[in-house]
Amino acid sequence: MTLAPLLHASFAIQLHVATVIPAAILGACLLARPKGTRMHRTLGKIWLAIMVVTASSTFFIHEIRLVGGFSPIHLLSIYVLFASWQAIAAARRHDIAAHRVHVAGMYLGGIVVAGLFTLLPGRLMHASLFAGLSRWQAVATTVLLAALLIGAGILAIRQGRLFKRGKSAKRLA
């Protein structure tokens, strides 16, 4: 592992990485902890602000140019910005089901799925995380990380932690 590729990257990429890592950690904590508490609301506002900065920073990153200077990943950024607004509106009108769907979608799509794509060979995070590893080791590690992320998401859904109803889905005040 080396930070050299990140240190030589543009400011937009550095900002993106600096915001997406805390968003991933804080988002996982929010999804796992009780909902509707004062702590959940406070950390949720911080998480949404970080997600907006993370998504906005992608509009200054043009490493993959499929349509002009943009790529399909920019559609995900638009979704995150739209879903952030929708999640706030749903919480304010006490529509917990809609709030839950928007937040889970942002986390799963904007953090987990997008994060998996950054592990592909040729991408900056791949170069940072797998520097010094053989091709076989890098592939094996990527597959293991992907399996762990996907497995954790499936387990959270199956155990009801992600879409749980009842006491943990209190009305947001």
N, C-alpha and C. Protein backbone atom coordinates (compact mmCIF):
# COMPACT_ATOMS: atom_id res chain seq x y z
N MET A 1 0.85 -1.18 0.00
CA MET A 1 0.00 0.00 0.00
C MET A 1 0.89 1.24 0.00
N THR A 2 0.48 2.22 -0.77
CA THR A 2 1.23 3.47 -0.84
C THR A 2 0.26 4.64 -1.05
N LEU A 3 0.60 5.76 -0.46
CA LEU A 3 -0.21 6.96 -0.65
C LEU A 3 0.30 7.82 -1.81
N ALA A 4 1.38 7.42 -2.43
CA ALA A 4 1.99 8.22 -3.50
C ALA A 4 1.00 8.58 -4.61
N PRO A 5 0.22 7.63 -5.15
CA PRO A 5 -0.73 8.02 -6.20
C PRO A 5 -1.74 9.08 -5.73
N LEU A 6 -2.17 8.99 -4.49
CA LEU A 6 -3.12 9.97 -3.96
C LEU A 6 -2.46 11.33 -3.75
N LEU A 7 -1.22 11.31 -3.29
CA LEU A 7 -0.51 12.56 -3.04
C LEU A 7 -0.21 13.32 -4.33
N HIS A 8 -0.11 12.60 -5.43
CA HIS A 8 0.17 13.22 -6.73
C HIS A 8 -1.10 13.47 -7.54
N ALA A 9 -2.24 13.14 -6.97
CA ALA A 9 -3.52 13.33 -7.67
C ALA A 9 -3.97 14.78 -7.56
N SER A 10 -4.97 15.12 -8.34
CA SER A 10 -5.52 16.49 -8.31
C SER A 10 -6.20 16.74 -6.96
N PHE A 11 -6.42 18.04 -6.67
CA PHE A 11 -7.09 18.41 -5.43
C PHE A 11 -8.49 17.80 -5.37
N ALA A 12 -9.20 17.76 -6.49
CA ALA A 12 -10.56 17.21 -6.50
C ALA A 12 -10.56 15.75 -6.08
N ILE A 13 -9.59 14.98 -6.56
CA ILE A 13 -9.50 13.56 -6.17
C ILE A 13 -9.14 13.44 -4.70
N GLN A 14 -8.20 14.26 -4.23
CA GLN A 14 -7.83 14.22 -2.82
C GLN A 14 -9.00 14.58 -1.92
N LEU A 15 -9.77 15.60 -2.32
CA LEU A 15 -10.96 15.98 -1.55
C LEU A 15 -11.98 14.85 -1.57
N HIS A 16 -12.16 14.24 -2.72
CA HIS A 16 -13.12 13.14 -2.85
C HIS A 16 -12.75 11.99 -1.91
N VAL A 17 -11.50 11.58 -1.93
CA VAL A 17 -11.07 10.48 -1.07
C VAL A 17 -11.16 10.89 0.41
N ALA A 18 -10.79 12.13 0.70
CA ALA A 18 -10.83 12.61 2.09
C ALA A 18 -12.25 12.68 2.64
N THR A 19 -13.25 12.78 1.78
CA THR A 19 -14.63 12.83 2.26
C THR A 19 -15.33 11.48 2.16
N VAL A 20 -14.97 10.67 1.18
CA VAL A 20 -15.67 9.40 1.00
C VAL A 20 -15.30 8.40 2.10
N ILE A 21 -14.08 8.43 2.59
CA ILE A 21 -13.69 7.48 3.65
C ILE A 21 -14.48 7.72 4.93
N PRO A 22 -14.55 8.97 5.44
CA PRO A 22 -15.40 9.17 6.63
C PRO A 22 -16.88 8.92 6.34
N ALA A 23 -17.33 9.21 5.11
CA ALA A 23 -18.73 8.95 4.76
C ALA A 23 -19.02 7.45 4.82
N ALA A 24 -18.09 6.63 4.38
CA ALA A 24 -18.28 5.18 4.41
C ALA A 24 -18.35 4.68 5.84
N ILE A 25 -17.45 5.15 6.69
CA ILE A 25 -17.40 4.69 8.08
C ILE A 25 -18.61 5.20 8.86
N LEU A 26 -18.88 6.49 8.76
CA LEU A 26 -20.01 7.08 9.48
C LEU A 26 -21.33 6.49 8.99
N GLY A 27 -21.46 6.29 7.68
CA GLY A 27 -22.69 5.71 7.14
C GLY A 27 -22.93 4.31 7.66
N ALA A 28 -21.89 3.50 7.73
CA ALA A 28 -22.04 2.15 8.27
C ALA A 28 -22.48 2.20 9.73
N CYS A 29 -21.90 3.10 10.49
CA CYS A 29 -22.28 3.26 11.91
C CYS A 29 -23.74 3.68 12.03
N LEU A 30 -24.16 4.62 11.20
CA LEU A 30 -25.54 5.09 11.24
C LEU A 30 -26.53 3.98 10.88
N LEU A 31 -26.17 3.15 9.88
CA LEU A 31 -27.06 2.07 9.48
C LEU A 31 -27.16 0.99 10.56
N ALA A 32 -26.10 0.82 11.34
CA ALA A 32 -26.07 -0.25 12.35
C ALA A 32 -26.66 0.18 13.69
N ARG A 33 -26.67 1.47 13.98
CA ARG A 33 -27.10 1.95 15.29
C ARG A 33 -28.60 2.27 15.30
N PRO A 34 -29.16 2.44 16.51
CA PRO A 34 -30.59 2.77 16.62
C PRO A 34 -30.94 4.06 15.88
N LYS A 35 -32.12 4.07 15.33
CA LYS A 35 -32.58 5.21 14.54
C LYS A 35 -33.50 6.12 15.36
N GLY A 36 -33.59 7.36 14.95
CA GLY A 36 -34.53 8.30 15.56
C GLY A 36 -34.00 9.00 16.79
N THR A 37 -32.81 8.67 17.23
CA THR A 37 -32.24 9.32 18.42
C THR A 37 -31.64 10.67 18.03
N ARG A 38 -31.35 11.47 19.04
CA ARG A 38 -30.71 12.77 18.79
C ARG A 38 -29.35 12.55 18.13
N MET A 39 -28.61 11.53 18.58
CA MET A 39 -27.31 11.22 18.01
C MET A 39 -27.44 10.84 16.53
N HIS A 40 -28.47 10.04 16.22
CA HIS A 40 -28.70 9.64 14.83
C HIS A 40 -28.97 10.86 13.95
N ARG A 41 -29.79 11.76 14.44
CA ARG A 41 -30.12 12.96 13.67
C ARG A 41 -28.88 13.84 13.46
N THR A 42 -28.10 14.02 14.50
CA THR A 42 -26.90 14.86 14.40
C THR A 42 -25.87 14.25 13.44
N LEU A 43 -25.57 12.96 13.66
CA LEU A 43 -24.59 12.29 12.79
C LEU A 43 -25.12 12.16 11.36
N GLY A 44 -26.44 12.00 11.23
CA GLY A 44 -27.05 11.92 9.90
C GLY A 44 -26.88 13.21 9.12
N LYS A 45 -27.02 14.34 9.78
CA LYS A 45 -26.81 15.64 9.12
C LYS A 45 -25.35 15.78 8.68
N ILE A 46 -24.44 15.36 9.53
CA ILE A 46 -23.02 15.40 9.17
C ILE A 46 -22.75 14.48 7.99
N TRP A 47 -23.33 13.26 8.02
CA TRP A 47 -23.12 12.31 6.94
C TRP A 47 -23.66 12.85 5.61
N LEU A 48 -24.85 13.43 5.65
CA LEU A 48 -25.42 13.99 4.41
C LEU A 48 -24.56 15.13 3.87
N ALA A 49 -24.03 15.97 4.74
CA ALA A 49 -23.16 17.06 4.29
C ALA A 49 -21.90 16.50 3.64
N ILE A 50 -21.32 15.47 4.26
CA ILE A 50 -20.13 14.84 3.69
C ILE A 50 -20.46 14.20 2.34
N MET A 51 -21.61 13.56 2.24
CA MET A 51 -22.01 12.92 0.98
C MET A 51 -22.20 13.96 -0.13
N VAL A 52 -22.76 15.12 0.21
CA VAL A 52 -22.95 16.18 -0.79
C VAL A 52 -21.59 16.68 -1.28
N VAL A 53 -20.63 16.87 -0.37
CA VAL A 53 -19.29 17.30 -0.77
C VAL A 53 -18.63 16.21 -1.62
N THR A 54 -18.78 14.95 -1.19
CA THR A 54 -18.19 13.84 -1.95
C THR A 54 -18.76 13.78 -3.36
N ALA A 55 -20.07 13.84 -3.48
CA ALA A 55 -20.71 13.78 -4.81
C ALA A 55 -20.34 15.00 -5.65
N SER A 56 -20.33 16.16 -5.04
CA SER A 56 -20.00 17.40 -5.78
C SER A 56 -18.57 17.38 -6.29
N SER A 57 -17.66 16.81 -5.52
CA SER A 57 -16.25 16.78 -5.93
C SER A 57 -16.05 15.98 -7.21
N THR A 58 -16.93 15.03 -7.48
CA THR A 58 -16.75 14.20 -8.68
C THR A 58 -16.92 14.99 -9.97
N PHE A 59 -17.62 16.12 -9.91
CA PHE A 59 -17.82 16.91 -11.12
C PHE A 59 -16.54 17.63 -11.55
N PHE A 60 -15.50 17.55 -10.73
CA PHE A 60 -14.20 18.12 -11.06
C PHE A 60 -13.17 17.03 -11.35
N ILE A 61 -13.65 15.77 -11.38
CA ILE A 61 -12.79 14.63 -11.68
C ILE A 61 -13.17 14.12 -13.06
N HIS A 62 -12.22 14.09 -13.96
CA HIS A 62 -12.51 13.71 -15.35
C HIS A 62 -11.52 12.66 -15.85
N GLU A 63 -11.26 11.66 -15.02
CA GLU A 63 -10.30 10.61 -15.39
C GLU A 63 -10.85 9.69 -16.48
N ILE A 64 -12.15 9.41 -16.41
CA ILE A 64 -12.80 8.55 -17.42
C ILE A 64 -13.71 9.47 -18.23
N ARG A 65 -13.40 9.61 -19.49
CA ARG A 65 -14.15 10.53 -20.35
C ARG A 65 -14.94 9.75 -21.39
N LEU A 66 -16.20 9.49 -21.11
CA LEU A 66 -17.03 8.78 -22.08
C LEU A 66 -17.95 9.73 -22.84
N VAL A 67 -18.48 10.73 -22.15
CA VAL A 67 -19.35 11.73 -22.78
C VAL A 67 -18.78 13.09 -22.39
N GLY A 68 -18.04 13.69 -23.30
CA GLY A 68 -17.36 14.94 -22.96
C GLY A 68 -16.33 14.65 -21.88
N GLY A 69 -16.39 15.36 -20.80
CA GLY A 69 -15.47 15.11 -19.69
C GLY A 69 -16.08 14.25 -18.61
N PHE A 70 -17.23 13.65 -18.89
CA PHE A 70 -17.95 12.93 -17.85
C PHE A 70 -18.07 11.44 -18.15
N SER A 71 -18.42 10.69 -17.12
CA SER A 71 -18.59 9.24 -17.24
C SER A 71 -19.90 8.84 -16.56
N PRO A 72 -20.30 7.59 -16.70
CA PRO A 72 -21.54 7.15 -16.05
C PRO A 72 -21.52 7.31 -14.52
N ILE A 73 -20.35 7.33 -13.92
CA ILE A 73 -20.28 7.50 -12.47
C ILE A 73 -20.83 8.87 -12.05
N HIS A 74 -20.77 9.83 -12.95
CA HIS A 74 -21.32 11.15 -12.64
C HIS A 74 -22.84 11.11 -12.49
N LEU A 75 -23.49 10.14 -13.14
CA LEU A 75 -24.93 9.96 -12.94
C LEU A 75 -25.21 9.55 -11.50
N LEU A 76 -24.33 8.75 -10.94
CA LEU A 76 -24.46 8.36 -9.53
C LEU A 76 -24.32 9.58 -8.63
N SER A 77 -23.44 10.49 -8.98
CA SER A 77 -23.28 11.72 -8.20
C SER A 77 -24.55 12.56 -8.24
N ILE A 78 -25.16 12.65 -9.40
CA ILE A 78 -26.43 13.37 -9.51
C ILE A 78 -27.48 12.69 -8.64
N TYR A 79 -27.52 11.36 -8.68
CA TYR A 79 -28.46 10.62 -7.83
C TYR A 79 -28.23 10.93 -6.36
N VAL A 80 -26.98 10.93 -5.91
CA VAL A 80 -26.68 11.19 -4.49
C VAL A 80 -27.14 12.59 -4.10
N LEU A 81 -26.91 13.57 -4.96
CA LEU A 81 -27.36 14.94 -4.65
C LEU A 81 -28.89 15.00 -4.56
N PHE A 82 -29.56 14.37 -5.51
CA PHE A 82 -31.02 14.34 -5.49
C PHE A 82 -31.55 13.56 -4.28
N ALA A 83 -30.96 12.40 -4.01
CA ALA A 83 -31.42 11.56 -2.89
C ALA A 83 -31.15 12.23 -1.54
N SER A 84 -30.10 13.04 -1.45
CA SER A 84 -29.83 13.78 -0.20
C SER A 84 -30.98 14.72 0.11
N TRP A 85 -31.38 15.45 -0.91
CA TRP A 85 -32.51 16.37 -0.75
C TRP A 85 -33.78 15.59 -0.41
N GLN A 86 -34.01 14.47 -1.09
CA GLN A 86 -35.20 13.65 -0.83
C GLN A 86 -35.17 13.06 0.58
N ALA A 87 -34.00 12.63 1.05
CA ALA A 87 -33.89 12.04 2.39
C ALA A 87 -34.21 13.08 3.46
N ILE A 88 -33.75 14.30 3.27
CA ILE A 88 -34.04 15.38 4.22
C ILE A 88 -35.53 15.70 4.20
N ALA A 89 -36.09 15.82 3.01
CA ALA A 89 -37.53 16.13 2.89
C ALA A 89 -38.37 15.03 3.52
N ALA A 90 -38.00 13.77 3.30
CA ALA A 90 -38.76 12.65 3.88
C ALA A 90 -38.67 12.67 5.40
N ALA A 91 -37.49 12.95 5.94
CA ALA A 91 -37.34 12.99 7.40
C ALA A 91 -38.16 14.13 7.99
N ARG A 92 -38.17 15.27 7.33
CA ARG A 92 -38.92 16.42 7.85
C ARG A 92 -40.42 16.17 7.84
N ARG A 93 -40.90 15.40 6.88
CA ARG A 93 -42.34 15.10 6.86
C ARG A 93 -42.65 13.79 7.59
N HIS A 94 -41.64 13.25 8.29
CA HIS A 94 -41.79 12.03 9.10
C HIS A 94 -42.15 10.80 8.26
N ASP A 95 -41.71 10.77 7.02
CA ASP A 95 -41.90 9.62 6.15
C ASP A 95 -40.64 8.75 6.25
N ILE A 96 -40.59 7.96 7.31
CA ILE A 96 -39.40 7.18 7.64
C ILE A 96 -39.09 6.14 6.58
N ALA A 97 -40.11 5.53 6.00
CA ALA A 97 -39.87 4.52 4.95
C ALA A 97 -39.14 5.14 3.76
N ALA A 98 -39.58 6.30 3.31
CA ALA A 98 -38.92 6.96 2.18
C ALA A 98 -37.52 7.41 2.56
N HIS A 99 -37.37 7.95 3.77
CA HIS A 99 -36.05 8.37 4.25
C HIS A 99 -35.08 7.19 4.24
N ARG A 100 -35.54 6.07 4.75
CA ARG A 100 -34.72 4.86 4.83
C ARG A 100 -34.29 4.39 3.43
N VAL A 101 -35.20 4.40 2.49
CA VAL A 101 -34.89 3.97 1.12
C VAL A 101 -33.85 4.89 0.48
N HIS A 102 -34.01 6.20 0.63
CA HIS A 102 -33.06 7.14 0.02
C HIS A 102 -31.67 7.00 0.64
N VAL A 103 -31.61 6.90 1.96
CA VAL A 103 -30.31 6.81 2.64
C VAL A 103 -29.63 5.48 2.30
N ALA A 104 -30.38 4.40 2.35
CA ALA A 104 -29.80 3.09 2.02
C ALA A 104 -29.33 3.06 0.57
N GLY A 105 -30.08 3.65 -0.33
CA GLY A 105 -29.68 3.71 -1.73
C GLY A 105 -28.41 4.51 -1.93
N MET A 106 -28.31 5.63 -1.22
CA MET A 106 -27.09 6.43 -1.32
C MET A 106 -25.88 5.66 -0.79
N TYR A 107 -26.08 4.96 0.32
CA TYR A 107 -24.95 4.24 0.91
C TYR A 107 -24.55 3.06 0.02
N LEU A 108 -25.53 2.26 -0.35
CA LEU A 108 -25.20 1.08 -1.16
C LEU A 108 -24.68 1.46 -2.55
N GLY A 109 -25.32 2.43 -3.19
CA GLY A 109 -24.89 2.82 -4.53
C GLY A 109 -23.70 3.76 -4.52
N GLY A 110 -23.78 4.79 -3.69
CA GLY A 110 -22.75 5.82 -3.68
C GLY A 110 -21.47 5.43 -2.97
N ILE A 111 -21.56 4.51 -2.02
CA ILE A 111 -20.36 4.11 -1.27
C ILE A 111 -19.92 2.71 -1.68
N VAL A 112 -20.79 1.72 -1.51
CA VAL A 112 -20.38 0.32 -1.73
C VAL A 112 -20.12 0.04 -3.20
N VAL A 113 -21.10 0.27 -4.06
CA VAL A 113 -20.94 -0.07 -5.48
C VAL A 113 -19.86 0.79 -6.12
N ALA A 114 -19.92 2.10 -5.90
CA ALA A 114 -18.89 2.98 -6.48
C ALA A 114 -17.52 2.62 -5.92
N GLY A 115 -17.47 2.27 -4.64
CA GLY A 115 -16.20 1.87 -4.03
C GLY A 115 -15.62 0.62 -4.65
N LEU A 116 -16.47 -0.32 -5.00
CA LEU A 116 -15.99 -1.53 -5.66
C LEU A 116 -15.36 -1.22 -7.01
N PHE A 117 -15.93 -0.27 -7.74
CA PHE A 117 -15.37 0.10 -9.04
C PHE A 117 -13.99 0.76 -8.91
N THR A 118 -13.72 1.40 -7.77
CA THR A 118 -12.41 2.03 -7.60
C THR A 118 -11.31 1.00 -7.39
N LEU A 119 -11.69 -0.24 -7.10
CA LEU A 119 -10.69 -1.30 -6.88
C LEU A 119 -10.24 -1.96 -8.18
N LEU A 120 -10.85 -1.59 -9.30
CA LEU A 120 -10.47 -2.19 -10.58
C LEU A 120 -9.06 -1.78 -10.99
N PRO A 121 -8.34 -2.68 -11.64
CA PRO A 121 -6.99 -2.33 -12.12
C PRO A 121 -7.02 -1.10 -13.02
N GLY A 122 -6.02 -0.27 -12.87
CA GLY A 122 -5.94 0.96 -13.64
C GLY A 122 -6.52 2.16 -12.92
N ARG A 123 -7.24 1.93 -11.84
CA ARG A 123 -7.82 3.03 -11.07
C ARG A 123 -6.86 3.46 -9.97
N LEU A 124 -6.99 4.69 -9.52
CA LEU A 124 -6.09 5.27 -8.53
C LEU A 124 -6.10 4.50 -7.21
N MET A 125 -7.27 4.13 -6.71
CA MET A 125 -7.34 3.42 -5.44
C MET A 125 -6.72 2.03 -5.56
N HIS A 126 -6.87 1.42 -6.70
CA HIS A 126 -6.22 0.12 -6.93
C HIS A 126 -4.71 0.29 -6.84
N ALA A 127 -4.18 1.33 -7.48
CA ALA A 127 -2.74 1.59 -7.44
C ALA A 127 -2.27 1.88 -6.03
N SER A 128 -3.09 2.56 -5.23
CA SER A 128 -2.70 2.89 -3.86
C SER A 128 -2.77 1.68 -2.94
N LEU A 129 -3.87 0.94 -3.03
CA LEU A 129 -4.08 -0.17 -2.10
C LEU A 129 -3.26 -1.41 -2.42
N PHE A 130 -3.03 -1.66 -3.70
CA PHE A 130 -2.40 -2.92 -4.09
C PHE A 130 -0.97 -2.76 -4.60
N ALA A 131 -0.35 -1.61 -4.31
CA ALA A 131 1.04 -1.40 -4.73
C ALA A 131 1.93 -2.45 -4.07
N GLY A 132 2.81 -3.04 -4.86
CA GLY A 132 3.75 -4.03 -4.34
C GLY A 132 3.22 -5.45 -4.35
N LEU A 133 1.93 -5.62 -4.65
CA LEU A 133 1.37 -6.97 -4.71
C LEU A 133 1.48 -7.50 -6.14
N SER A 134 1.59 -8.80 -6.25
CA SER A 134 1.57 -9.41 -7.58
C SER A 134 0.16 -9.29 -8.15
N ARG A 135 0.01 -9.51 -9.44
CA ARG A 135 -1.32 -9.43 -10.08
C ARG A 135 -2.27 -10.41 -9.41
N TRP A 136 -1.80 -11.63 -9.13
CA TRP A 136 -2.64 -12.64 -8.50
C TRP A 136 -3.08 -12.20 -7.11
N GLN A 137 -2.16 -11.64 -6.33
CA GLN A 137 -2.50 -11.18 -4.98
C GLN A 137 -3.50 -10.02 -5.03
N ALA A 138 -3.32 -9.12 -5.99
CA ALA A 138 -4.23 -7.99 -6.12
C ALA A 138 -5.63 -8.46 -6.51
N VAL A 139 -5.72 -9.40 -7.45
CA VAL A 139 -7.01 -9.94 -7.86
C VAL A 139 -7.67 -10.66 -6.69
N ALA A 140 -6.91 -11.49 -6.00
CA ALA A 140 -7.47 -12.23 -4.86
C ALA A 140 -7.94 -11.28 -3.77
N THR A 141 -7.18 -10.25 -3.49
CA THR A 141 -7.57 -9.28 -2.46
C THR A 141 -8.81 -8.51 -2.89
N THR A 142 -8.88 -8.13 -4.17
CA THR A 142 -10.05 -7.42 -4.68
C THR A 142 -11.30 -8.28 -4.56
N VAL A 143 -11.19 -9.53 -4.95
CA VAL A 143 -12.33 -10.45 -4.86
C VAL A 143 -12.75 -10.62 -3.40
N LEU A 144 -11.78 -10.76 -2.52
CA LEU A 144 -12.09 -10.91 -1.09
C LEU A 144 -12.79 -9.67 -0.54
N LEU A 145 -12.26 -8.48 -0.87
CA LEU A 145 -12.90 -7.24 -0.40
C LEU A 145 -14.31 -7.10 -0.96
N ALA A 146 -14.49 -7.42 -2.23
CA ALA A 146 -15.82 -7.34 -2.83
C ALA A 146 -16.78 -8.32 -2.16
N ALA A 147 -16.33 -9.53 -1.93
CA ALA A 147 -17.17 -10.54 -1.27
C ALA A 147 -17.55 -10.10 0.14
N LEU A 148 -16.60 -9.52 0.86
CA LEU A 148 -16.89 -9.04 2.22
C LEU A 148 -17.90 -7.90 2.20
N LEU A 149 -17.73 -6.93 1.30
CA LEU A 149 -18.66 -5.81 1.22
C LEU A 149 -20.06 -6.27 0.83
N ILE A 150 -20.13 -7.11 -0.18
CA ILE A 150 -21.44 -7.61 -0.63
C ILE A 150 -22.07 -8.49 0.43
N GLY A 151 -21.27 -9.37 1.03
CA GLY A 151 -21.78 -10.25 2.08
C GLY A 151 -22.29 -9.48 3.29
N ALA A 152 -21.55 -8.44 3.69
CA ALA A 152 -21.99 -7.63 4.83
C ALA A 152 -23.30 -6.92 4.52
N GLY A 153 -23.43 -6.42 3.29
CA GLY A 153 -24.69 -5.77 2.89
C GLY A 153 -25.86 -6.73 2.91
N ILE A 154 -25.66 -7.93 2.36
CA ILE A 154 -26.72 -8.94 2.35
C ILE A 154 -27.08 -9.35 3.77
N LEU A 155 -26.08 -9.55 4.61
CA LEU A 155 -26.32 -9.94 6.00
C LEU A 155 -27.10 -8.86 6.74
N ALA A 156 -26.72 -7.60 6.52
CA ALA A 156 -27.43 -6.50 7.19
C ALA A 156 -28.89 -6.46 6.76
N ILE A 157 -29.14 -6.67 5.47
CA ILE A 157 -30.52 -6.67 4.97
C ILE A 157 -31.29 -7.85 5.54
N ARG A 158 -30.69 -9.04 5.51
CA ARG A 158 -31.37 -10.24 5.99
C ARG A 158 -31.66 -10.18 7.48
N GLN A 159 -30.79 -9.57 8.26
CA GLN A 159 -31.02 -9.47 9.69
C GLN A 159 -31.94 -8.31 10.04
N GLY A 160 -32.34 -7.56 9.03
CA GLY A 160 -33.28 -6.48 9.25
C GLY A 160 -32.65 -5.20 9.75
N ARG A 161 -31.32 -5.14 9.81
CA ARG A 161 -30.67 -3.93 10.32
C ARG A 161 -30.82 -2.76 9.35
N LEU A 162 -30.84 -3.03 8.07
CA LEU A 162 -30.87 -1.95 7.11
C LEU A 162 -32.29 -1.42 6.89
N PHE A 163 -33.27 -2.30 6.84
CA PHE A 163 -34.64 -1.88 6.57
C PHE A 163 -35.57 -2.26 7.72
N LYS A 164 -35.06 -2.25 8.93
CA LYS A 164 -35.83 -2.68 10.09
C LYS A 164 -36.97 -1.72 10.37
N ARG A 165 -38.10 -2.31 10.72
CA ARG A 165 -39.25 -1.53 11.11
C ARG A 165 -39.51 -1.77 12.59
N GLY A 166 -40.28 -0.91 13.17
CA GLY A 166 -40.62 -1.12 14.58
C GLY A 166 -39.96 -0.08 15.45
N LYS A 167 -39.49 -0.51 16.62
CA LYS A 167 -38.97 0.41 17.61
C LYS A 167 -37.79 1.23 17.12
N SER A 168 -36.92 0.64 16.30
CA SER A 168 -35.74 1.39 15.86
C SER A 168 -36.09 2.40 14.77
N ALA A 169 -37.27 2.33 14.24
CA ALA A 169 -37.66 3.27 13.19
C ALA A 169 -38.59 4.32 13.78
N LYS A 170 -38.14 4.98 14.85
CA LYS A 170 -38.94 6.00 15.51
C LYS A 170 -39.15 7.19 14.57
N ARG A 171 -40.16 7.93 14.88
CA ARG A 171 -40.38 9.16 14.12
C ARG A 171 -39.26 10.12 14.38
N LEU A 172 -38.81 10.76 13.34
CA LEU A 172 -37.77 11.79 13.51
C LEU A 172 -38.43 13.06 13.94
N ALA A 173 -37.90 13.65 14.99
CA ALA A 173 -38.48 14.90 15.50
C ALA A 173 -37.71 16.10 15.03
